[in-house]
Amino acid sequence: MAVLAFLYAPIAVMVVLSFNTSHVLGLPLEGFTLDWYFRFLGNEEVVESIVNGTLVAVACVVVSIGFGL
């Protein structure tokens, strides 16, 4: 259990800090914002890669189901 906490604690910290309005990661939190996520999803290359990855995943599922039947 301690190993899982050691592995997931940094992820949890980054998720909490990603909602901070400050440009510098740190405590205390200055405010709550979703701006970082809007910037991330506003990038066309990022959105295109998410769509492409989803299409590849769906194709893999379809092919896997076809082989499994």
Protein backbone atom coordinates (compact mmCIF):
# COMPACT_ATOMS: atom_id res chain seq x y z
CA MET A 1 0.00 0.00 0.00
CA ALA A 2 2.86 2.38 0.78
CA VAL A 3 4.30 1.74 -2.69
CA LEU A 4 1.03 2.79 -4.32
CA ALA A 5 0.91 5.93 -2.20
CA PHE A 6 4.50 6.69 -3.19
CA LEU A 7 3.61 6.29 -6.88
CA TYR A 8 0.29 8.16 -6.90
CA ALA A 9 1.08 11.01 -4.48
CA PRO A 10 2.97 13.10 -7.10
CA ILE A 11 0.08 12.70 -9.54
CA ALA A 12 -2.41 13.85 -6.92
CA VAL A 13 -0.23 16.87 -6.08
CA MET A 14 -0.01 17.87 -9.77
CA VAL A 15 -3.78 17.56 -10.18
CA VAL A 16 -4.39 19.82 -7.18
CA LEU A 17 -1.79 22.36 -8.32
CA SER A 18 -3.15 22.40 -11.88
CA PHE A 19 -6.20 24.32 -10.65
CA ASN A 20 -4.03 27.12 -9.21
CA THR A 21 -4.18 30.59 -10.83
CA SER A 22 -0.48 31.21 -10.18
CA HIS A 23 2.08 30.67 -12.95
CA VAL A 24 4.44 29.19 -10.36
CA LEU A 25 3.58 25.81 -8.85
CA GLY A 26 3.49 26.08 -5.11
CA LEU A 27 1.48 26.50 -1.98
CA PRO A 28 -0.62 28.28 -0.85
CA LEU A 29 -3.00 28.19 -3.78
CA GLU A 30 -3.85 31.68 -5.04
CA GLY A 31 -7.21 30.81 -6.57
CA PHE A 32 -9.19 28.30 -8.60
CA THR A 33 -9.10 28.25 -12.40
CA LEU A 34 -9.61 25.90 -15.33
CA ASP A 35 -7.47 28.13 -17.57
CA TRP A 36 -4.66 25.58 -17.92
CA TYR A 37 -7.11 22.98 -19.21
CA PHE A 38 -8.71 25.45 -21.66
CA ARG A 39 -5.24 26.33 -22.98
CA PHE A 40 -4.36 22.66 -23.32
CA LEU A 41 -7.55 21.81 -25.22
CA GLY A 42 -7.30 25.01 -27.27
CA ASN A 43 -4.15 23.72 -28.96
CA GLU A 44 -5.14 22.21 -32.33
CA GLU A 45 -2.26 19.71 -32.34
CA VAL A 46 -3.26 18.38 -28.94
CA VAL A 47 -6.90 17.98 -29.94
CA GLU A 48 -5.87 16.30 -33.20
CA SER A 49 -3.65 13.84 -31.33
CA ILE A 50 -6.46 13.03 -28.88
CA VAL A 51 -8.84 12.37 -31.78
CA ASN A 52 -6.25 10.22 -33.61
CA GLY A 53 -5.50 8.23 -30.47
CA THR A 54 -9.19 7.64 -29.88
CA LEU A 55 -9.69 6.46 -33.46
CA VAL A 56 -6.76 4.04 -33.17
CA ALA A 57 -8.14 2.72 -29.87
CA VAL A 58 -11.61 2.17 -31.38
CA ALA A 59 -10.09 0.40 -34.39
CA CYS A 60 -8.07 -1.85 -32.09
CA VAL A 61 -11.18 -2.74 -30.11
CA VAL A 62 -13.11 -3.56 -33.29
CA VAL A 63 -10.28 -5.74 -34.64
CA SER A 64 -9.82 -7.46 -31.27
CA ILE A 65 -13.52 -8.24 -31.00
CA GLY A 66 -13.44 -9.57 -34.54
CA PHE A 67 -10.57 -11.91 -33.74
CA GLY A 68 -12.20 -12.96 -30.48
CA LEU A 69 -15.44 -14.08 -32.08
